[in-house]
Each structure stands twice: as C-alpha cells, then as structure tokens.
Amino acid sequence: MSPYRLIKDRISANLFLALCLLSILTVVLIGVGLYGKSIPILKQSSVFHLLFSSKWKPFKNQFGFLTYIVGSLVVTALAIVIALPLSLLTAIFISEYMPRRMKQVLIPFIDLLSGIPPVIYGVWGVLTIVPFIQDKLAPHFVEFSSGYSALAGGVVLSVMIFPLIISILLEVFNSIPQELRDASLSLGANQWETIRHVVLRKSVPGILAATVLAVSRALGETIAVLMVCGNQARIPHSLLDPVYPLPALIANNYGDMLSIPLYDSALMLAALILFVIIFLFNGLSRIILYRLERRSYL
C-alpha cells in the first residue's frame, strides 16, 4: 500500500472519530447546559421535594413536578398498552402470513405514517377522538368529560408510535433464521405454533427493545399530546380526566412567564427530567439490542 493511501486512510479514520466524539459531546453539552440552568431552583428546593410535590405555585416559588411527571407517565403507558399488542399482531401478519407483493405495497404506507407531522395527528385527535370520548364514551362512566383527557392523548400517541414499533419488530422477525421455522414445521408444528414457540420466543429481547424505544419517543412528544390532553395540572383519577405532561408544560410556558423568579430554572429542570428519562430508556434499549445481536451470532 502506498504512503499516500495510508495517509488518506488515517485522515479518514481520525475524521470519523472526531465526528463520533462530536456527537457524544453534543449530548453531554445538552445535559450540562440543562443542569446549569436548573441550579437556581435546585439550590432552593431539594430534588425529592421537586419530584414528589404536586404544588405548582410559581408566584410563591413552589414548583412541584409530580402532577406533570404522572401525566407524562400515564399518557405514555396508555399509548404503549394500546400500540404494542396491535403493532405486534400487525408485524406478525406482515412477516409470517402476508404475500411478498402485498408487503411491497403495505410497508411503504406504514413508513408514511412516520413522516406525518405531529400537528396533523393532533388535529385528527381534536376533530375525531375528543368528540368521540365526550359524546359517546364518557357518558357511560362519568357525568361530564370535555373529551380532552389522558385517554385522548394515549390514543393519539399510540397511533404515532405504530410505525416505529412495527418497523423494529419486522427487522427483529427477519433476523430469525428461516431454518428454525423449517425445523419446527418439520417436527409437526403448525404455523401459529411455530410463531408462538419459535419466532416470538427468540424475539423477546427485540420486542423489549422496540417497546423501550417507543416509550422514549412517546415521552418526548409535545404538540399532538398538548392539543388533546386538556393541560390541567392535577393528578388524574381516571383516564377520562385531563392531564398535563412535562413536554406540554415546557411548550406552553417557556417565554411567556420568565419574568417570574425561578420560572426559567423550573422549566429547564423539567427539560432535564425528560432528558434523563429518555436517556435512560435509550441506554436500556441499546443494551437489549446488543444482547440480541450477540445471541444472533452465537
């Protein structure tokens, strides 16, 4: 190999290393920046009080994030409960039952759902899901509901994460060797038994990874959830009650009430809480995917 090619190869390697470190540094700087902006409120109140207090009275310098954290968790959990079973069944059908020509037609439509702007999902939720809950569903359970509720947010959010979960599950199912399916069928198992005992069992780490990534996406969603959740800072007693997720808190108030002491710091702490939660979920998904890849090579 000529010296010129060696130098070129070394420069390319160092360039890609620098770009990789830059990506990592960007994440670190975001975390450090949010923490730096959150220091004033952290000096005034303990982390335990901020996380587990439900009192939100900015004019009295009382900032409790419990209602907003609960709102985010309720909407996200509901979205996963709705989306995961439907996505799993859809991915099984596409991977194991659907003819190849139909796959070529259907999969692009699923991918198209990922490209729709979140505000479109929000408008759809306001025009269809909210009136349905208010007029058709809620009267059977409560005296009154405006329709803007945790349930509306969960339904809209579940539709938004459908394509993400389905795409990951399809990749997981396709990574399972066909020989395992053939061996199960040759032993007398039918197709559903093969799916249940071979495909799904081997796909458990991938299903968990898809779920974790979907949770990370759902936790950070703002516009669509903000439009249908009602945005009332109280702990919900039912799925028909309004909620106020953390992203909606930041989007609604940043820039409008920053003249209030510590309000800027409180909103930055809300962003930091979201950042840490999503970082942990993504880290967990990376670990699961790494173990899945190791198993596939063994």
C-alpha atoms as a PDB file:
ATOM      1  CA  MET A   1       0.000   0.000   0.000  1.00  0.00           C
ATOM      2  CA  SER A   2       1.354   3.406  -0.993  1.00  0.00           C
ATOM      3  CA  PRO A   3       2.171   6.044   1.649  1.00  0.00           C
ATOM      4  CA  TYR A   4      -0.459   8.307   0.095  1.00  0.00           C
ATOM      5  CA  ARG A   5      -3.212   5.726   0.663  1.00  0.00           C
ATOM      6  CA  LEU A   6      -2.019   5.133   4.239  1.00  0.00           C
ATOM      7  CA  ILE A   7      -2.148   8.856   4.988  1.00  0.00           C
ATOM      8  CA  LYS A   8      -5.582   9.109   3.359  1.00  0.00           C
ATOM      9  CA  ASP A   9      -6.860   6.165   5.376  1.00  0.00           C
ATOM     10  CA  ARG A  10      -5.503   7.624   8.632  1.00  0.00           C
ATOM     11  CA  ILE A  11      -7.046  11.028   7.934  1.00  0.00           C
ATOM     12  CA  SER A  12     -10.420   9.400   7.204  1.00  0.00           C
ATOM     13  CA  ALA A  13     -10.276   7.355  10.403  1.00  0.00           C
ATOM     14  CA  ASN A  14      -9.411  10.397  12.514  1.00  0.00           C
ATOM     15  CA  LEU A  15     -12.152  12.438  10.831  1.00  0.00           C
ATOM     16  CA  PHE A  16     -14.823   9.852  11.577  1.00  0.00           C
ATOM     17  CA  LEU A  17     -13.542   9.554  15.138  1.00  0.00           C
ATOM     18  CA  ALA A  18     -13.834  13.312  15.569  1.00  0.00           C
ATOM     19  CA  LEU A  19     -17.391  13.286  14.207  1.00  0.00           C
ATOM     20  CA  CYS A  20     -18.302  10.468  16.575  1.00  0.00           C
ATOM     21  CA  LEU A  21     -16.867  12.322  19.552  1.00  0.00           C
ATOM     22  CA  LEU A  22     -18.679  15.468  18.422  1.00  0.00           C
ATOM     23  CA  SER A  23     -21.990  13.609  18.502  1.00  0.00           C
ATOM     24  CA  ILE A  24     -21.290  12.352  22.016  1.00  0.00           C
ATOM     25  CA  LEU A  25     -20.112  15.806  23.090  1.00  0.00           C
ATOM     26  CA  THR A  26     -23.355  17.346  21.818  1.00  0.00           C
ATOM     27  CA  VAL A  27     -25.418  15.082  24.084  1.00  0.00           C
ATOM     28  CA  VAL A  28     -23.141  15.835  27.034  1.00  0.00           C
ATOM     29  CA  LEU A  29     -23.343  19.598  26.405  1.00  0.00           C
ATOM     30  CA  ILE A  30     -27.148  19.447  26.279  1.00  0.00           C
ATOM     31  CA  GLY A  31     -27.246  17.660  29.629  1.00  0.00           C
ATOM     32  CA  VAL A  32     -24.685  20.011  31.201  1.00  0.00           C
ATOM     33  CA  GLY A  33     -26.488  23.064  29.838  1.00  0.00           C
ATOM     34  CA  LEU A  34     -29.848  21.963  31.220  1.00  0.00           C
ATOM     35  CA  TYR A  35     -28.284  21.163  34.574  1.00  0.00           C
ATOM     36  CA  GLY A  36     -26.562  24.546  34.684  1.00  0.00           C
ATOM     37  CA  LYS A  37     -29.861  26.328  34.049  1.00  0.00           C
ATOM     38  CA  SER A  38     -31.547  24.198  36.736  1.00  0.00           C
ATOM     39  CA  ILE A  39     -29.057  25.038  39.509  1.00  0.00           C
ATOM     40  CA  PRO A  40     -31.002  28.041  40.926  1.00  0.00           C
ATOM     41  CA  ILE A  41     -34.118  26.000  41.675  1.00  0.00           C
ATOM     42  CA  LEU A  42     -32.065  23.035  42.887  1.00  0.00           C
ATOM     43  CA  LYS A  43     -30.387  25.321  45.427  1.00  0.00           C
ATOM     44  CA  GLN A  44     -33.737  26.476  46.775  1.00  0.00           C
ATOM     45  CA  SER A  45     -35.512  23.091  46.984  1.00  0.00           C
ATOM     46  CA  SER A  46     -34.377  19.510  47.334  1.00  0.00           C
ATOM     47  CA  VAL A  47     -34.669  17.131  44.396  1.00  0.00           C
ATOM     48  CA  PHE A  48     -37.019  14.914  46.416  1.00  0.00           C
ATOM     49  CA  HIS A  49     -39.390  17.826  47.076  1.00  0.00           C
ATOM     50  CA  LEU A  50     -39.354  18.945  43.449  1.00  0.00           C
ATOM     51  CA  LEU A  51     -40.063  15.469  42.110  1.00  0.00           C
ATOM     52  CA  PHE A  52     -42.698  14.378  44.622  1.00  0.00           C
ATOM     53  CA  SER A  53     -44.578  17.587  45.381  1.00  0.00           C
ATOM     54  CA  SER A  54     -47.752  18.428  43.451  1.00  0.00           C
ATOM     55  CA  LYS A  55     -47.874  22.107  44.453  1.00  0.00           C
ATOM     56  CA  TRP A  56     -47.241  24.329  41.430  1.00  0.00           C
ATOM     57  CA  LYS A  57     -47.485  27.961  42.556  1.00  0.00           C
ATOM     58  CA  PRO A  58     -44.857  29.959  40.652  1.00  0.00           C
ATOM     59  CA  PHE A  59     -45.710  33.265  42.366  1.00  0.00           C
ATOM     60  CA  LYS A  60     -44.909  31.647  45.720  1.00  0.00           C
ATOM     61  CA  ASN A  61     -41.803  29.909  44.336  1.00  0.00           C
ATOM     62  CA  GLN A  62     -43.398  26.496  44.796  1.00  0.00           C
ATOM     63  CA  PHE A  63     -42.576  24.136  41.937  1.00  0.00           C
ATOM     64  CA  GLY A  64     -43.736  20.557  42.283  1.00  0.00           C
ATOM     65  CA  PHE A  65     -43.373  18.340  39.224  1.00  0.00           C
ATOM     66  CA  LEU A  66     -45.325  15.311  40.435  1.00  0.00           C
ATOM     67  CA  THR A  67     -48.526  16.080  38.517  1.00  0.00           C
ATOM     68  CA  TYR A  68     -46.605  16.670  35.289  1.00  0.00           C
ATOM     69  CA  ILE A  69     -44.491  13.538  35.688  1.00  0.00           C
ATOM     70  CA  VAL A  70     -47.597  11.473  36.423  1.00  0.00           C
ATOM     71  CA  GLY A  71     -49.326  12.993  33.397  1.00  0.00           C
ATOM     72  CA  SER A  72     -46.433  12.039  31.121  1.00  0.00           C
ATOM     73  CA  LEU A  73     -46.226   8.510  32.523  1.00  0.00           C
ATOM     74  CA  VAL A  74     -49.983   7.907  32.308  1.00  0.00           C
ATOM     75  CA  VAL A  75     -50.255   9.029  28.686  1.00  0.00           C
ATOM     76  CA  THR A  76     -47.118   7.117  27.686  1.00  0.00           C
ATOM     77  CA  ALA A  77     -48.177   3.915  29.471  1.00  0.00           C
ATOM     78  CA  LEU A  78     -51.624   4.063  27.879  1.00  0.00           C
ATOM     79  CA  ALA A  79     -50.110   4.601  24.434  1.00  0.00           C
ATOM     80  CA  ILE A  80     -47.843   1.559  24.877  1.00  0.00           C
ATOM     81  CA  VAL A  81     -50.730  -0.598  26.149  1.00  0.00           C
ATOM     82  CA  ILE A  82     -52.735   0.270  23.034  1.00  0.00           C
ATOM     83  CA  ALA A  83     -49.941   0.275  20.471  1.00  0.00           C
ATOM     84  CA  LEU A  84     -47.800  -2.713  21.452  1.00  0.00           C
ATOM     85  CA  PRO A  85     -50.354  -5.544  21.004  1.00  0.00           C
ATOM     86  CA  LEU A  86     -51.709  -4.106  17.754  1.00  0.00           C
ATOM     87  CA  SER A  87     -48.214  -3.465  16.393  1.00  0.00           C
ATOM     88  CA  LEU A  88     -47.060  -6.940  17.410  1.00  0.00           C
ATOM     89  CA  LEU A  89     -50.001  -8.635  15.680  1.00  0.00           C
ATOM     90  CA  THR A  90     -49.528  -6.450  12.597  1.00  0.00           C
ATOM     91  CA  ALA A  91     -45.818  -7.249  12.410  1.00  0.00           C
ATOM     92  CA  ILE A  92     -46.516 -10.987  12.801  1.00  0.00           C
ATOM     93  CA  PHE A  93     -49.055 -10.879   9.986  1.00  0.00           C
ATOM     94  CA  ILE A  94     -46.761  -8.931   7.672  1.00  0.00           C
ATOM     95  CA  SER A  95     -43.709 -11.062   8.430  1.00  0.00           C
ATOM     96  CA  GLU A  96     -45.244 -14.538   8.553  1.00  0.00           C
ATOM     97  CA  TYR A  97     -48.506 -14.536   6.602  1.00  0.00           C
ATOM     98  CA  MET A  98     -48.586 -11.716   4.078  1.00  0.00           C
ATOM     99  CA  PRO A  99     -47.599 -12.452   0.456  1.00  0.00           C
ATOM    100  CA  ARG A 100     -44.465 -10.735  -0.755  1.00  0.00           C
ATOM    101  CA  ARG A 101     -46.277  -8.467  -3.237  1.00  0.00           C
ATOM    102  CA  MET A 102     -48.632  -7.202  -0.557  1.00  0.00           C
ATOM    103  CA  LYS A 103     -45.627  -6.452   1.683  1.00  0.00           C
ATOM    104  CA  GLN A 104     -44.152  -4.228  -1.007  1.00  0.00           C
ATOM    105  CA  VAL A 105     -47.388  -2.235  -1.061  1.00  0.00           C
ATOM    106  CA  LEU A 106     -48.209  -2.101   2.658  1.00  0.00           C
ATOM    107  CA  ILE A 107     -44.810  -1.408   4.226  1.00  0.00           C
ATOM    108  CA  PRO A 108     -44.353   1.965   2.430  1.00  0.00           C
ATOM    109  CA  PHE A 109     -47.732   3.065   3.797  1.00  0.00           C
ATOM    110  CA  ILE A 110     -46.602   2.166   7.312  1.00  0.00           C
ATOM    111  CA  ASP A 111     -43.400   4.126   6.781  1.00  0.00           C
ATOM    112  CA  LEU A 112     -45.501   7.040   5.544  1.00  0.00           C
ATOM    113  CA  LEU A 113     -47.106   7.315   8.981  1.00  0.00           C
ATOM    114  CA  SER A 114     -43.681   8.208  10.406  1.00  0.00           C
ATOM    115  CA  GLY A 115     -43.421  11.197   8.096  1.00  0.00           C
ATOM    116  CA  ILE A 116     -46.743  12.796   9.014  1.00  0.00           C
ATOM    117  CA  PRO A 117     -46.181  15.955  11.142  1.00  0.00           C
ATOM    118  CA  PRO A 118     -47.274  15.592  14.782  1.00  0.00           C
ATOM    119  CA  VAL A 119     -49.619  18.576  14.458  1.00  0.00           C
ATOM    120  CA  ILE A 120     -51.665  16.578  11.924  1.00  0.00           C
ATOM    121  CA  TYR A 121     -52.134  13.828  14.478  1.00  0.00           C
ATOM    122  CA  GLY A 122     -53.150  16.483  16.989  1.00  0.00           C
ATOM    123  CA  VAL A 123     -55.755  17.970  14.653  1.00  0.00           C
ATOM    124  CA  TRP A 124     -57.082  14.480  13.928  1.00  0.00           C
ATOM    125  CA  GLY A 125     -57.348  13.843  17.651  1.00  0.00           C
ATOM    126  CA  VAL A 126     -59.202  17.127  18.255  1.00  0.00           C
ATOM    127  CA  LEU A 127     -61.666  16.507  15.408  1.00  0.00           C
ATOM    128  CA  THR A 128     -62.339  12.789  15.964  1.00  0.00           C
ATOM    129  CA  ILE A 129     -61.032  11.295  19.216  1.00  0.00           C
ATOM    130  CA  VAL A 130     -62.005  14.133  21.565  1.00  0.00           C
ATOM    131  CA  PRO A 131     -65.647  14.378  20.326  1.00  0.00           C
ATOM    132  CA  PHE A 132     -65.994  10.587  20.424  1.00  0.00           C
ATOM    133  CA  ILE A 133     -64.839  10.453  24.042  1.00  0.00           C
ATOM    134  CA  GLN A 134     -67.013  13.410  25.049  1.00  0.00           C
ATOM    135  CA  ASP A 135     -70.241  12.313  23.324  1.00  0.00           C
ATOM    136  CA  LYS A 136     -70.051   8.519  23.067  1.00  0.00           C
ATOM    137  CA  LEU A 137     -67.666   7.056  25.635  1.00  0.00           C
ATOM    138  CA  ALA A 138     -67.518   9.334  28.678  1.00  0.00           C
ATOM    139  CA  PRO A 139     -71.306   9.447  29.400  1.00  0.00           C
ATOM    140  CA  HIS A 140     -71.178   5.730  30.243  1.00  0.00           C
ATOM    141  CA  PHE A 141     -68.601   6.267  33.005  1.00  0.00           C
ATOM    142  CA  VAL A 142     -68.704   9.867  34.309  1.00  0.00           C
ATOM    143  CA  GLU A 143     -71.210  12.698  34.481  1.00  0.00           C
ATOM    144  CA  PHE A 144     -69.171  15.003  32.291  1.00  0.00           C
ATOM    145  CA  SER A 145     -65.926  14.975  30.344  1.00  0.00           C
ATOM    146  CA  SER A 146     -64.727  17.515  27.838  1.00  0.00           C
ATOM    147  CA  GLY A 147     -63.035  14.746  25.874  1.00  0.00           C
ATOM    148  CA  TYR A 148     -59.636  16.355  26.382  1.00  0.00           C
ATOM    149  CA  SER A 149     -58.166  13.659  28.560  1.00  0.00           C
ATOM    150  CA  ALA A 150     -55.407  11.173  29.201  1.00  0.00           C
ATOM    151  CA  LEU A 151     -57.311   8.677  27.064  1.00  0.00           C
ATOM    152  CA  ALA A 152     -57.359  11.027  24.066  1.00  0.00           C
ATOM    153  CA  GLY A 153     -53.629  11.653  24.452  1.00  0.00           C
ATOM    154  CA  GLY A 154     -52.917   7.929  24.761  1.00  0.00           C
ATOM    155  CA  VAL A 155     -54.914   7.068  21.638  1.00  0.00           C
ATOM    156  CA  VAL A 156     -53.292   9.780  19.516  1.00  0.00           C
ATOM    157  CA  LEU A 157     -49.846   8.913  20.813  1.00  0.00           C
ATOM    158  CA  SER A 158     -50.376   5.191  20.171  1.00  0.00           C
ATOM    159  CA  VAL A 159     -51.127   5.893  16.507  1.00  0.00           C
ATOM    160  CA  MET A 160     -47.963   7.980  16.284  1.00  0.00           C
ATOM    161  CA  ILE A 161     -45.730   5.172  17.576  1.00  0.00           C
ATOM    162  CA  PHE A 162     -47.323   2.402  15.489  1.00  0.00           C
ATOM    163  CA  PRO A 163     -44.837   2.703  12.588  1.00  0.00           C
ATOM    164  CA  LEU A 164     -41.815   2.815  14.915  1.00  0.00           C
ATOM    165  CA  ILE A 165     -42.741  -0.393  16.738  1.00  0.00           C
ATOM    166  CA  ILE A 166     -43.799  -2.211  13.569  1.00  0.00           C
ATOM    167  CA  SER A 167     -40.594  -1.311  11.722  1.00  0.00           C
ATOM    168  CA  ILE A 168     -38.388  -2.559  14.561  1.00  0.00           C
ATOM    169  CA  LEU A 169     -40.400  -5.761  15.017  1.00  0.00           C
ATOM    170  CA  LEU A 170     -40.208  -6.539  11.303  1.00  0.00           C
ATOM    171  CA  GLU A 171     -36.430  -6.238  11.476  1.00  0.00           C
ATOM    172  CA  VAL A 172     -36.361  -8.495  14.544  1.00  0.00           C
ATOM    173  CA  PHE A 173     -38.545 -11.167  12.932  1.00  0.00           C
ATOM    174  CA  ASN A 174     -36.495 -11.054   9.717  1.00  0.00           C
ATOM    175  CA  SER A 175     -33.307 -11.626  11.727  1.00  0.00           C
ATOM    176  CA  ILE A 176     -34.548 -15.021  12.946  1.00  0.00           C
ATOM    177  CA  PRO A 177     -33.073 -17.776  10.732  1.00  0.00           C
ATOM    178  CA  GLN A 178     -35.572 -19.479   8.442  1.00  0.00           C
ATOM    179  CA  GLU A 179     -34.008 -22.802   9.408  1.00  0.00           C
ATOM    180  CA  LEU A 180     -35.585 -22.539  12.872  1.00  0.00           C
ATOM    181  CA  ARG A 181     -39.024 -22.149  11.346  1.00  0.00           C
ATOM    182  CA  ASP A 182     -38.422 -25.052   8.977  1.00  0.00           C
ATOM    183  CA  ALA A 183     -37.228 -27.280  11.813  1.00  0.00           C
ATOM    184  CA  SER A 184     -40.357 -26.532  13.842  1.00  0.00           C
ATOM    185  CA  LEU A 185     -42.640 -27.222  10.885  1.00  0.00           C
ATOM    186  CA  SER A 186     -40.815 -30.475  10.091  1.00  0.00           C
ATOM    187  CA  LEU A 187     -41.491 -31.692  13.644  1.00  0.00           C
ATOM    188  CA  GLY A 188     -45.238 -31.365  13.119  1.00  0.00           C
ATOM    189  CA  ALA A 189     -45.958 -27.886  14.478  1.00  0.00           C
ATOM    190  CA  ASN A 190     -48.355 -25.727  12.518  1.00  0.00           C
ATOM    191  CA  GLN A 191     -47.547 -22.158  11.514  1.00  0.00           C
ATOM    192  CA  TRP A 192     -49.097 -20.487  14.562  1.00  0.00           C
ATOM    193  CA  GLU A 193     -47.328 -22.886  16.951  1.00  0.00           C
ATOM    194  CA  THR A 194     -44.077 -22.117  15.149  1.00  0.00           C
ATOM    195  CA  ILE A 195     -44.677 -18.388  15.528  1.00  0.00           C
ATOM    196  CA  ARG A 196     -45.579 -18.703  19.198  1.00  0.00           C
ATOM    197  CA  HIS A 197     -42.856 -21.098  20.323  1.00  0.00           C
ATOM    198  CA  VAL A 198     -40.018 -20.177  17.952  1.00  0.00           C
ATOM    199  CA  VAL A 199     -40.423 -16.708  16.439  1.00  0.00           C
ATOM    200  CA  LEU A 200     -41.846 -14.908  19.462  1.00  0.00           C
ATOM    201  CA  ARG A 201     -39.602 -16.675  21.957  1.00  0.00           C
ATOM    202  CA  LYS A 202     -36.480 -15.759  20.013  1.00  0.00           C
ATOM    203  CA  SER A 203     -37.772 -12.212  19.545  1.00  0.00           C
ATOM    204  CA  VAL A 204     -38.340 -11.334  23.213  1.00  0.00           C
ATOM    205  CA  PRO A 205     -35.229  -9.095  23.506  1.00  0.00           C
ATOM    206  CA  GLY A 206     -36.152  -7.310  20.279  1.00  0.00           C
ATOM    207  CA  ILE A 207     -39.743  -6.776  21.403  1.00  0.00           C
ATOM    208  CA  LEU A 208     -38.456  -5.284  24.654  1.00  0.00           C
ATOM    209  CA  ALA A 209     -36.092  -3.017  22.723  1.00  0.00           C
ATOM    210  CA  ALA A 210     -38.913  -1.847  20.449  1.00  0.00           C
ATOM    211  CA  THR A 211     -41.045  -1.107  23.494  1.00  0.00           C
ATOM    212  CA  VAL A 212     -38.303   0.898  25.176  1.00  0.00           C
ATOM    213  CA  LEU A 213     -37.659   2.959  22.045  1.00  0.00           C
ATOM    214  CA  ALA A 214     -41.380   3.589  21.667  1.00  0.00           C
ATOM    215  CA  VAL A 215     -41.536   4.769  25.293  1.00  0.00           C
ATOM    216  CA  SER A 216     -38.666   7.172  24.628  1.00  0.00           C
ATOM    217  CA  ARG A 217     -40.466   8.560  21.578  1.00  0.00           C
ATOM    218  CA  ALA A 218     -43.771   8.856  23.418  1.00  0.00           C
ATOM    219  CA  LEU A 219     -42.295  10.614  26.451  1.00  0.00           C
ATOM    220  CA  GLY A 220     -40.841  13.384  24.321  1.00  0.00           C
ATOM    221  CA  GLU A 221     -43.859  14.013  22.091  1.00  0.00           C
ATOM    222  CA  THR A 222     -45.240  17.524  22.572  1.00  0.00           C
ATOM    223  CA  ILE A 223     -47.576  19.109  20.040  1.00  0.00           C
ATOM    224  CA  ALA A 224     -50.042  16.289  19.417  1.00  0.00           C
ATOM    225  CA  VAL A 225     -50.360  15.449  23.114  1.00  0.00           C
ATOM    226  CA  LEU A 226     -50.629  19.119  24.082  1.00  0.00           C
ATOM    227  CA  MET A 227     -53.617  19.541  21.743  1.00  0.00           C
ATOM    228  CA  VAL A 228     -55.752  16.715  23.193  1.00  0.00           C
ATOM    229  CA  CYS A 229     -54.778  16.189  26.857  1.00  0.00           C
ATOM    230  CA  GLY A 230     -56.571  19.149  28.419  1.00  0.00           C
ATOM    231  CA  ASN A 231     -53.463  20.565  30.114  1.00  0.00           C
ATOM    232  CA  GLN A 232     -54.787  20.780  33.688  1.00  0.00           C
ATOM    233  CA  ALA A 233     -52.160  20.400  36.395  1.00  0.00           C
ATOM    234  CA  ARG A 234     -53.751  17.744  38.575  1.00  0.00           C
ATOM    235  CA  ILE A 235     -53.233  14.061  39.170  1.00  0.00           C
ATOM    236  CA  PRO A 236     -55.872  12.165  37.129  1.00  0.00           C
ATOM    237  CA  HIS A 237     -58.254   9.819  38.924  1.00  0.00           C
ATOM    238  CA  SER A 238     -59.385   8.164  35.692  1.00  0.00           C
ATOM    239  CA  LEU A 239     -58.375   8.020  32.060  1.00  0.00           C
ATOM    240  CA  LEU A 240     -61.171  10.485  31.255  1.00  0.00           C
ATOM    241  CA  ASP A 241     -59.563  13.218  33.357  1.00  0.00           C
ATOM    242  CA  PRO A 242     -57.316  15.852  31.755  1.00  0.00           C
ATOM    243  CA  VAL A 243     -53.568  15.651  32.332  1.00  0.00           C
ATOM    244  CA  TYR A 244     -50.591  17.946  31.844  1.00  0.00           C
ATOM    245  CA  PRO A 245     -47.436  16.177  30.546  1.00  0.00           C
ATOM    246  CA  LEU A 246     -43.968  17.641  31.008  1.00  0.00           C
ATOM    247  CA  PRO A 247     -43.374  18.493  27.321  1.00  0.00           C
ATOM    248  CA  ALA A 248     -46.650  20.421  27.239  1.00  0.00           C
ATOM    249  CA  LEU A 249     -45.598  22.351  30.352  1.00  0.00           C
ATOM    250  CA  ILE A 250     -42.401  23.484  28.656  1.00  0.00           C
ATOM    251  CA  ALA A 251     -44.057  24.308  25.325  1.00  0.00           C
ATOM    252  CA  ASN A 252     -46.943  26.241  26.862  1.00  0.00           C
ATOM    253  CA  ASN A 253     -44.991  28.376  29.311  1.00  0.00           C
ATOM    254  CA  TYR A 254     -41.465  28.944  28.036  1.00  0.00           C
ATOM    255  CA  GLY A 255     -41.048  32.563  27.021  1.00  0.00           C
ATOM    256  CA  ASP A 256     -44.360  33.769  28.491  1.00  0.00           C
ATOM    257  CA  MET A 257     -43.763  33.725  32.248  1.00  0.00           C
ATOM    258  CA  LEU A 258     -39.996  34.038  32.517  1.00  0.00           C
ATOM    259  CA  SER A 259     -40.319  37.282  34.476  1.00  0.00           C
ATOM    260  CA  ILE A 260     -41.362  35.180  37.477  1.00  0.00           C
ATOM    261  CA  PRO A 261     -38.321  34.338  39.638  1.00  0.00           C
ATOM    262  CA  LEU A 262     -37.038  30.772  39.193  1.00  0.00           C
ATOM    263  CA  TYR A 263     -39.628  30.000  36.498  1.00  0.00           C
ATOM    264  CA  ASP A 264     -36.954  29.730  33.834  1.00  0.00           C
ATOM    265  CA  SER A 265     -34.950  27.405  36.055  1.00  0.00           C
ATOM    266  CA  ALA A 266     -38.062  25.297  36.788  1.00  0.00           C
ATOM    267  CA  LEU A 267     -38.781  24.801  33.097  1.00  0.00           C
ATOM    268  CA  MET A 268     -35.161  23.876  32.453  1.00  0.00           C
ATOM    269  CA  LEU A 269     -35.376  21.331  35.265  1.00  0.00           C
ATOM    270  CA  ALA A 270     -38.484  19.883  33.586  1.00  0.00           C
ATOM    271  CA  ALA A 271     -36.459  19.559  30.388  1.00  0.00           C
ATOM    272  CA  LEU A 272     -33.616  17.949  32.330  1.00  0.00           C
ATOM    273  CA  ILE A 273     -36.007  15.409  33.867  1.00  0.00           C
ATOM    274  CA  LEU A 274     -37.261  14.486  30.392  1.00  0.00           C
ATOM    275  CA  PHE A 275     -33.698  14.318  29.091  1.00  0.00           C
ATOM    276  CA  VAL A 276     -32.609  11.932  31.855  1.00  0.00           C
ATOM    277  CA  ILE A 277     -35.661   9.669  31.483  1.00  0.00           C
ATOM    278  CA  ILE A 278     -35.291   9.402  27.706  1.00  0.00           C
ATOM    279  CA  PHE A 279     -31.518   8.914  28.013  1.00  0.00           C
ATOM    280  CA  LEU A 280     -32.042   6.033  30.441  1.00  0.00           C
ATOM    281  CA  PHE A 281     -34.667   4.387  28.251  1.00  0.00           C
ATOM    282  CA  ASN A 282     -32.489   4.679  25.150  1.00  0.00           C
ATOM    283  CA  GLY A 283     -29.498   3.304  27.038  1.00  0.00           C
ATOM    284  CA  LEU A 284     -31.585   0.351  28.166  1.00  0.00           C
ATOM    285  CA  SER A 285     -32.725  -0.315  24.610  1.00  0.00           C
ATOM    286  CA  ARG A 286     -29.124  -0.230  23.373  1.00  0.00           C
ATOM    287  CA  ILE A 287     -28.144  -2.848  25.959  1.00  0.00           C
ATOM    288  CA  ILE A 288     -31.036  -5.087  24.937  1.00  0.00           C
ATOM    289  CA  LEU A 289     -30.216  -4.753  21.241  1.00  0.00           C
ATOM    290  CA  TYR A 290     -26.560  -5.502  21.929  1.00  0.00           C
ATOM    291  CA  ARG A 291     -27.510  -8.711  23.710  1.00  0.00           C
ATOM    292  CA  LEU A 292     -29.853  -9.586  20.855  1.00  0.00           C
ATOM    293  CA  GLU A 293     -27.042  -9.174  18.340  1.00  0.00           C
ATOM    294  CA  ARG A 294     -24.699 -11.315  20.448  1.00  0.00           C
ATOM    295  CA  ARG A 295     -27.265 -14.082  20.620  1.00  0.00           C
ATOM    296  CA  SER A 296     -27.768 -14.000  16.853  1.00  0.00           C
ATOM    297  CA  TYR A 297     -24.054 -14.656  16.311  1.00  0.00           C
ATOM    298  CA  LEU A 298     -23.784 -17.479  18.844  1.00  0.00           C
END
